[in-house]
């Protein structure tokens, strides 16, 4: 997105790990770095919500064996 939030990220930038790698318990320094990059506390909540929706989707698909769409079939792996 030209001029959008994604322009603040560079290859190798791991601010997106704020929720995933810290398992929901980022350090004060991680939060400060995220905010210092120009993001807000609302952005932190949006990252958390995105991770939550993805987790619920994955669990649902695993529990109910949702078939993968043909267009994505080549990206699957064996259990």
PDB file of N, CA and C in Angstrom:
ATOM      1  N   UNK A   1       0.831  -1.172   0.000  1.00  0.00           N
ATOM      2  CA  UNK A   1       0.000   0.000   0.000  1.00  0.00           C
ATOM      3  C   UNK A   1       0.883   1.245   0.000  1.00  0.00           C
ATOM      4  N   UNK A   2       1.003   1.911  -1.117  1.00  0.00           N
ATOM      5  CA  UNK A   2       1.817   3.122  -1.141  1.00  0.00           C
ATOM      6  C   UNK A   2       1.307   4.141  -0.143  1.00  0.00           C
ATOM      7  N   UNK A   3       2.199   4.606   0.712  1.00  0.00           N
ATOM      8  CA  UNK A   3       1.835   5.609   1.702  1.00  0.00           C
ATOM      9  C   UNK A   3       1.041   5.075   2.872  1.00  0.00           C
ATOM     10  N   UNK A   4       0.705   3.772   2.855  1.00  0.00           N
ATOM     11  CA  UNK A   4      -0.089   3.196   3.930  1.00  0.00           C
ATOM     12  C   UNK A   4       0.782   2.634   5.032  1.00  0.00           C
ATOM     13  N   UNK A   5       0.151   1.974   5.969  1.00  0.00           N
ATOM     14  CA  UNK A   5       0.863   1.431   7.122  1.00  0.00           C
ATOM     15  C   UNK A   5       1.961   0.454   6.716  1.00  0.00           C
ATOM     16  N   UNK A   6       1.705  -0.343   5.665  1.00  0.00           N
ATOM     17  CA  UNK A   6       2.689  -1.357   5.302  1.00  0.00           C
ATOM     18  C   UNK A   6       4.016  -0.739   4.865  1.00  0.00           C
ATOM     19  N   UNK A   7       4.014   0.542   4.490  1.00  0.00           N
ATOM     20  CA  UNK A   7       5.260   1.179   4.076  1.00  0.00           C
ATOM     21  C   UNK A   7       6.216   1.355   5.253  1.00  0.00           C
ATOM     22  N   UNK A   8       5.730   1.190   6.472  1.00  0.00           N
ATOM     23  CA  UNK A   8       6.585   1.309   7.646  1.00  0.00           C
ATOM     24  C   UNK A   8       7.390   0.042   7.892  1.00  0.00           C
ATOM     25  N   UNK A   9       7.012  -1.041   7.238  1.00  0.00           N
ATOM     26  CA  UNK A   9       7.718  -2.304   7.425  1.00  0.00           C
ATOM     27  C   UNK A   9       8.769  -2.481   6.342  1.00  0.00           C
ATOM     28  N   UNK A  10       9.867  -3.073   6.733  1.00  0.00           N
ATOM     29  CA  UNK A  10      10.946  -3.388   5.802  1.00  0.00           C
ATOM     30  C   UNK A  10      11.214  -4.885   5.892  1.00  0.00           C
ATOM     31  N   UNK A  11      11.819  -5.459   4.832  1.00  0.00           N
ATOM     32  CA  UNK A  11      12.166  -6.882   4.924  1.00  0.00           C
ATOM     33  C   UNK A  11      12.989  -7.152   6.188  1.00  0.00           C
ATOM     34  N   UNK A  12      12.641  -8.195   6.893  1.00  0.00           N
ATOM     35  CA  UNK A  12      13.346  -8.545   8.122  1.00  0.00           C
ATOM     36  C   UNK A  12      12.804  -7.849   9.356  1.00  0.00           C
ATOM     37  N   UNK A  13      11.814  -6.983   9.174  1.00  0.00           N
ATOM     38  CA  UNK A  13      11.204  -6.263  10.290  1.00  0.00           C
ATOM     39  C   UNK A  13      10.194  -7.198  10.951  1.00  0.00           C
ATOM     40  N   UNK A  14      10.349  -7.437  12.236  1.00  0.00           N
ATOM     41  CA  UNK A  14       9.516  -8.432  12.918  1.00  0.00           C
ATOM     42  C   UNK A  14       8.537  -7.817  13.902  1.00  0.00           C
ATOM     43  N   UNK A  15       8.092  -6.606  13.644  1.00  0.00           N
ATOM     44  CA  UNK A  15       7.113  -6.001  14.554  1.00  0.00           C
ATOM     45  C   UNK A  15       5.799  -6.763  14.553  1.00  0.00           C
ATOM     46  N   UNK A  16       5.517  -7.482  13.467  1.00  0.00           N
ATOM     47  CA  UNK A  16       4.318  -8.310  13.404  1.00  0.00           C
ATOM     48  C   UNK A  16       4.357  -9.448  14.405  1.00  0.00           C
ATOM     49  N   UNK A  17       5.539  -9.712  14.960  1.00  0.00           N
ATOM     50  CA  UNK A  17       5.701 -10.764  15.962  1.00  0.00           C
ATOM     51  C   UNK A  17       5.188 -10.332  17.330  1.00  0.00           C
ATOM     52  N   UNK A  18       4.721  -9.103  17.432  1.00  0.00           N
ATOM     53  CA  UNK A  18       4.275  -8.550  18.712  1.00  0.00           C
ATOM     54  C   UNK A  18       3.329  -9.502  19.436  1.00  0.00           C
ATOM     55  N   UNK A  19       2.434 -10.147  18.693  1.00  0.00           N
ATOM     56  CA  UNK A  19       1.469 -11.065  19.298  1.00  0.00           C
ATOM     57  C   UNK A  19       1.924 -12.511  19.141  1.00  0.00           C
ATOM     58  N   UNK A  20       2.336 -12.896  17.936  1.00  0.00           N
ATOM     59  CA  UNK A  20       2.615 -14.307  17.651  1.00  0.00           C
ATOM     60  C   UNK A  20       3.813 -14.854  18.414  1.00  0.00           C
ATOM     61  N   UNK A  21       4.955 -14.241  18.283  1.00  0.00           N
ATOM     62  CA  UNK A  21       6.167 -14.772  18.904  1.00  0.00           C
ATOM     63  C   UNK A  21       6.117 -14.631  20.421  1.00  0.00           C
ATOM     64  N   UNK A  22       5.543 -13.536  20.887  1.00  0.00           N
ATOM     65  CA  UNK A  22       5.480 -13.325  22.338  1.00  0.00           C
ATOM     66  C   UNK A  22       4.338 -14.115  22.974  1.00  0.00           C
ATOM     67  N   UNK A  23       3.555 -14.798  22.131  1.00  0.00           N
ATOM     68  CA  UNK A  23       2.403 -15.588  22.586  1.00  0.00           C
ATOM     69  C   UNK A  23       1.446 -14.730  23.404  1.00  0.00           C
ATOM     70  N   UNK A  24       1.284 -13.489  22.965  1.00  0.00           N
ATOM     71  CA  UNK A  24       0.341 -12.586  23.612  1.00  0.00           C
ATOM     72  C   UNK A  24       0.885 -11.872  24.829  1.00  0.00           C
ATOM     73  N   UNK A  25       2.175 -12.050  25.109  1.00  0.00           N
ATOM     74  CA  UNK A  25       2.779 -11.385  26.263  1.00  0.00           C
ATOM     75  C   UNK A  25       4.014 -10.586  25.848  1.00  0.00           C
ATOM     76  N   UNK A  26       3.808  -9.554  25.006  1.00  0.00           N
ATOM     77  CA  UNK A  26       4.975  -8.773  24.583  1.00  0.00           C
ATOM     78  C   UNK A  26       5.587  -8.023  25.759  1.00  0.00           C
ATOM     79  N   UNK A  27       6.873  -7.795  25.666  1.00  0.00           N
ATOM     80  CA  UNK A  27       7.547  -7.010  26.699  1.00  0.00           C
ATOM     81  C   UNK A  27       7.180  -5.539  26.501  1.00  0.00           C
ATOM     82  N   UNK A  28       7.441  -4.754  27.526  1.00  0.00           N
ATOM     83  CA  UNK A  28       7.196  -3.312  27.429  1.00  0.00           C
ATOM     84  C   UNK A  28       8.033  -2.720  26.297  1.00  0.00           C
ATOM     85  N   UNK A  29       9.246  -3.220  26.115  1.00  0.00           N
ATOM     86  CA  UNK A  29      10.123  -2.721  25.054  1.00  0.00           C
ATOM     87  C   UNK A  29       9.550  -3.036  23.672  1.00  0.00           C
ATOM     88  N   UNK A  30       8.957  -4.223  23.497  1.00  0.00           N
ATOM     89  CA  UNK A  30       8.353  -4.576  22.214  1.00  0.00           C
ATOM     90  C   UNK A  30       7.171  -3.661  21.904  1.00  0.00           C
ATOM     91  N   UNK A  31       6.344  -3.403  22.906  1.00  0.00           N
ATOM     92  CA  UNK A  31       5.200  -2.520  22.719  1.00  0.00           C
ATOM     93  C   UNK A  31       5.680  -1.104  22.410  1.00  0.00           C
ATOM     94  N   UNK A  32       6.673  -0.637  23.133  1.00  0.00           N
ATOM     95  CA  UNK A  32       7.214   0.704  22.897  1.00  0.00           C
ATOM     96  C   UNK A  32       7.780   0.830  21.486  1.00  0.00           C
ATOM     97  N   UNK A  33       8.474  -0.206  21.008  1.00  0.00           N
ATOM     98  CA  UNK A  33       9.034  -0.182  19.657  1.00  0.00           C
ATOM     99  C   UNK A  33       7.923  -0.141  18.609  1.00  0.00           C
ATOM    100  N   UNK A  34       6.865  -0.881  18.847  1.00  0.00           N
ATOM    101  CA  UNK A  34       5.719  -0.908  17.936  1.00  0.00           C
ATOM    102  C   UNK A  34       5.083   0.475  17.874  1.00  0.00           C
ATOM    103  N   UNK A  35       4.872   1.069  19.033  1.00  0.00           N
ATOM    104  CA  UNK A  35       4.270   2.406  19.088  1.00  0.00           C
ATOM    105  C   UNK A  35       5.203   3.462  18.503  1.00  0.00           C
ATOM    106  N   UNK A  36       6.506   3.303  18.732  1.00  0.00           N
ATOM    107  CA  UNK A  36       7.494   4.254  18.206  1.00  0.00           C
ATOM    108  C   UNK A  36       7.561   4.204  16.680  1.00  0.00           C
ATOM    109  N   UNK A  37       7.150   3.087  16.092  1.00  0.00           N
ATOM    110  CA  UNK A  37       7.145   2.953  14.634  1.00  0.00           C
ATOM    111  C   UNK A  37       5.952   3.685  14.018  1.00  0.00           C
ATOM    112  N   UNK A  38       5.141   4.304  14.870  1.00  0.00           N
ATOM    113  CA  UNK A  38       4.006   5.070  14.371  1.00  0.00           C
ATOM    114  C   UNK A  38       2.665   4.381  14.495  1.00  0.00           C
ATOM    115  N   UNK A  39       2.666   3.196  15.094  1.00  0.00           N
ATOM    116  CA  UNK A  39       1.416   2.490  15.287  1.00  0.00           C
ATOM    117  C   UNK A  39       0.756   2.957  16.585  1.00  0.00           C
ATOM    118  N   UNK A  40      -0.492   2.569  16.781  1.00  0.00           N
ATOM    119  CA  UNK A  40      -1.242   2.965  17.966  1.00  0.00           C
ATOM    120  C   UNK A  40      -1.656   1.729  18.752  1.00  0.00           C
ATOM    121  N   UNK A  41      -2.225   1.956  19.914  1.00  0.00           N
ATOM    122  CA  UNK A  41      -2.749   0.837  20.701  1.00  0.00           C
ATOM    123  C   UNK A  41      -3.896   0.163  19.945  1.00  0.00           C
ATOM    124  N   UNK A  42      -4.645   0.918  19.169  1.00  0.00           N
ATOM    125  CA  UNK A  42      -5.697   0.332  18.337  1.00  0.00           C
ATOM    126  C   UNK A  42      -5.095  -0.640  17.332  1.00  0.00           C
ATOM    127  N   UNK A  43      -3.934  -0.289  16.764  1.00  0.00           N
ATOM    128  CA  UNK A  43      -3.253  -1.192  15.833  1.00  0.00           C
ATOM    129  C   UNK A  43      -2.851  -2.482  16.527  1.00  0.00           C
ATOM    130  N   UNK A  44      -2.426  -2.386  17.781  1.00  0.00           N
ATOM    131  CA  UNK A  44      -2.076  -3.596  18.541  1.00  0.00           C
ATOM    132  C   UNK A  44      -3.298  -4.490  18.667  1.00  0.00           C
ATOM    133  N   UNK A  45      -4.447  -3.914  18.977  1.00  0.00           N
ATOM    134  CA  UNK A  45      -5.677  -4.706  19.083  1.00  0.00           C
ATOM    135  C   UNK A  45      -6.065  -5.319  17.740  1.00  0.00           C
ATOM    136  N   UNK A  46      -5.834  -4.600  16.643  1.00  0.00           N
ATOM    137  CA  UNK A  46      -6.141  -5.151  15.326  1.00  0.00           C
ATOM    138  C   UNK A  46      -5.246  -6.338  15.001  1.00  0.00           C
ATOM    139  N   UNK A  47      -3.977  -6.276  15.380  1.00  0.00           N
ATOM    140  CA  UNK A  47      -3.071  -7.415  15.188  1.00  0.00           C
ATOM    141  C   UNK A  47      -3.573  -8.602  16.004  1.00  0.00           C
ATOM    142  N   UNK A  48      -3.962  -8.356  17.233  1.00  0.00           N
ATOM    143  CA  UNK A  48      -4.477  -9.412  18.104  1.00  0.00           C
ATOM    144  C   UNK A  48      -5.746 -10.035  17.519  1.00  0.00           C
ATOM    145  N   UNK A  49      -6.646  -9.209  17.019  1.00  0.00           N
ATOM    146  CA  UNK A  49      -7.886  -9.725  16.438  1.00  0.00           C
ATOM    147  C   UNK A  49      -7.609 -10.548  15.184  1.00  0.00           C
ATOM    148  N   UNK A  50      -6.672 -10.099  14.349  1.00  0.00           N
ATOM    149  CA  UNK A  50      -6.331 -10.857  13.145  1.00  0.00           C
ATOM    150  C   UNK A  50      -5.775 -12.233  13.514  1.00  0.00           C
ATOM    151  N   UNK A  51      -4.903 -12.279  14.505  1.00  0.00           N
ATOM    152  CA  UNK A  51      -4.343 -13.558  14.956  1.00  0.00           C
ATOM    153  C   UNK A  51      -5.435 -14.451  15.529  1.00  0.00           C
ATOM    154  N   UNK A  52      -6.377 -13.865  16.246  1.00  0.00           N
ATOM    155  CA  UNK A  52      -7.475 -14.634  16.841  1.00  0.00           C
ATOM    156  C   UNK A  52      -8.376 -15.241  15.779  1.00  0.00           C
ATOM    157  N   UNK A  53      -8.742 -14.449  14.779  1.00  0.00           N
ATOM    158  CA  UNK A  53      -9.602 -14.948  13.704  1.00  0.00           C
ATOM    159  C   UNK A  53      -8.909 -16.073  12.944  1.00  0.00           C
ATOM    160  N   UNK A  54      -7.620 -15.915  12.677  1.00  0.00           N
ATOM    161  CA  UNK A  54      -6.876 -16.950  11.956  1.00  0.00           C
ATOM    162  C   UNK A  54      -6.808 -18.242  12.772  1.00  0.00           C
ATOM    163  N   UNK A  55      -6.603 -18.123  14.077  1.00  0.00           N
ATOM    164  CA  UNK A  55      -6.535 -19.298  14.945  1.00  0.00           C
ATOM    165  C   UNK A  55      -7.876 -20.029  14.970  1.00  0.00           C
ATOM    166  N   UNK A  56      -8.965 -19.291  15.139  1.00  0.00           N
ATOM    167  CA  UNK A  56     -10.291 -19.909  15.163  1.00  0.00           C
ATOM    168  C   UNK A  56     -10.579 -20.588  13.825  1.00  0.00           C
ATOM    169  N   UNK A  57     -10.219 -19.935  12.731  1.00  0.00           N
ATOM    170  CA  UNK A  57     -10.424 -20.511  11.399  1.00  0.00           C
ATOM    171  C   UNK A  57      -9.645 -21.820  11.249  1.00  0.00           C
ATOM    172  N   UNK A  58      -8.379 -21.813  11.657  1.00  0.00           N
ATOM    173  CA  UNK A  58      -7.564 -23.030  11.555  1.00  0.00           C
ATOM    174  C   UNK A  58      -8.143 -24.160  12.387  1.00  0.00           C
ATOM    175  N   UNK A  59      -8.519 -23.877  13.624  1.00  0.00           N
ATOM    176  CA  UNK A  59      -9.075 -24.913  14.490  1.00  0.00           C
ATOM    177  C   UNK A  59     -10.362 -25.473  13.913  1.00  0.00           C
ATOM    178  N   UNK A  60     -11.224 -24.609  13.404  1.00  0.00           N
ATOM    179  CA  UNK A  60     -12.486 -25.049  12.814  1.00  0.00           C
ATOM    180  C   UNK A  60     -12.232 -25.950  11.611  1.00  0.00           C
ATOM    181  N   UNK A  61     -11.322 -25.534  10.747  1.00  0.00           N
ATOM    182  CA  UNK A  61     -11.018 -26.340   9.564  1.00  0.00           C
ATOM    183  C   UNK A  61     -10.421 -27.687   9.939  1.00  0.00           C
ATOM    184  N   UNK A  62      -9.605 -27.732  10.973  1.00  0.00           N
ATOM    185  CA  UNK A  62      -9.011 -28.999  11.407  1.00  0.00           C
ATOM    186  C   UNK A  62     -10.064 -29.912  12.029  1.00  0.00           C
ATOM    187  N   UNK A  63     -10.931 -29.343  12.862  1.00  0.00           N
ATOM    188  CA  UNK A  63     -11.953 -30.149  13.532  1.00  0.00           C
ATOM    189  C   UNK A  63     -12.963 -30.749  12.562  1.00  0.00           C
ATOM    190  N   UNK A  64     -13.344 -29.969  11.556  1.00  0.00           N
ATOM    191  CA  UNK A  64     -14.396 -30.398  10.650  1.00  0.00           C
ATOM    192  C   UNK A  64     -13.878 -30.834   9.282  1.00  0.00           C
ATOM    193  N   UNK A  65     -12.541 -30.938   9.161  1.00  0.00           N
ATOM    194  CA  UNK A  65     -11.904 -31.444   7.941  1.00  0.00           C
ATOM    195  C   UNK A  65     -12.420 -30.726   6.698  1.00  0.00           C
ATOM    196  N   UNK A  66     -12.417 -29.418   6.764  1.00  0.00           N
ATOM    197  CA  UNK A  66     -12.878 -28.602   5.649  1.00  0.00           C
ATOM    198  C   UNK A  66     -11.991 -28.853   4.438  1.00  0.00           C
ATOM    199  N   UNK A  67     -12.598 -29.186   3.297  1.00  0.00           N
ATOM    200  CA  UNK A  67     -11.777 -29.414   2.110  1.00  0.00           C
ATOM    201  C   UNK A  67     -11.120 -28.114   1.634  1.00  0.00           C
ATOM    202  N   UNK A  68      -9.926 -28.252   1.113  1.00  0.00           N
ATOM    203  CA  UNK A  68      -9.187 -27.099   0.603  1.00  0.00           C
ATOM    204  C   UNK A  68      -9.691 -26.790  -0.804  1.00  0.00           C
ATOM    205  N   UNK A  69      -9.884 -25.516  -1.104  1.00  0.00           N
ATOM    206  CA  UNK A  69     -10.287 -25.113  -2.449  1.00  0.00           C
ATOM    207  C   UNK A  69      -9.231 -25.567  -3.447  1.00  0.00           C
ATOM    208  N   UNK A  70      -9.676 -25.952  -4.645  1.00  0.00           N
ATOM    209  CA  UNK A  70      -8.760 -26.469  -5.660  1.00  0.00           C
ATOM    210  C   UNK A  70      -7.628 -25.496  -5.964  1.00  0.00           C
ATOM    211  N   UNK A  71      -7.916 -24.221  -5.966  1.00  0.00           N
ATOM    212  CA  UNK A  71      -6.898 -23.233  -6.302  1.00  0.00           C
ATOM    213  C   UNK A  71      -5.735 -23.237  -5.295  1.00  0.00           C
ATOM    214  N   UNK A  72      -5.993 -23.696  -4.054  1.00  0.00           N
ATOM    215  CA  UNK A  72      -4.957 -23.739  -3.021  1.00  0.00           C
ATOM    216  C   UNK A  72      -4.420 -25.147  -2.768  1.00  0.00           C
ATOM    217  N   UNK A  73      -4.896 -26.132  -3.484  1.00  0.00           N
ATOM    218  CA  UNK A  73      -4.540 -27.529  -3.232  1.00  0.00           C
ATOM    219  C   UNK A  73      -3.035 -27.786  -3.276  1.00  0.00           C
ATOM    220  N   UNK A  74      -2.315 -27.121  -4.151  1.00  0.00           N
ATOM    221  CA  UNK A  74      -0.878 -27.371  -4.254  1.00  0.00           C
ATOM    222  C   UNK A  74      -0.106 -26.837  -3.058  1.00  0.00           C
ATOM    223  N   UNK A  75      -0.759 -26.086  -2.193  1.00  0.00           N
ATOM    224  CA  UNK A  75      -0.091 -25.526  -1.016  1.00  0.00           C
ATOM    225  C   UNK A  75      -0.322 -26.355   0.250  1.00  0.00           C
ATOM    226  N   UNK A  76      -1.028 -27.444   0.138  1.00  0.00           N
ATOM    227  CA  UNK A  76      -1.306 -28.272   1.314  1.00  0.00           C
ATOM    228  C   UNK A  76      -0.123 -29.186   1.618  1.00  0.00           C
ATOM    229  N   UNK A  77      -0.119 -29.737   2.819  1.00  0.00           N
ATOM    230  CA  UNK A  77       0.902 -30.699   3.217  1.00  0.00           C
ATOM    231  C   UNK A  77       0.234 -31.812   3.985  1.00  0.00           C
ATOM    232  N   UNK A  78       0.910 -32.954   4.048  1.00  0.00           N
ATOM    233  CA  UNK A  78       0.362 -34.125   4.719  1.00  0.00           C
ATOM    234  C   UNK A  78       0.495 -33.975   6.228  1.00  0.00           C
ATOM    235  N   UNK A  79      -0.474 -34.533   6.940  1.00  0.00           N
ATOM    236  CA  UNK A  79      -0.415 -34.515   8.410  1.00  0.00           C
ATOM    237  C   UNK A  79       0.575 -35.512   8.917  1.00  0.00           C
TER     238      UNK A  79
END
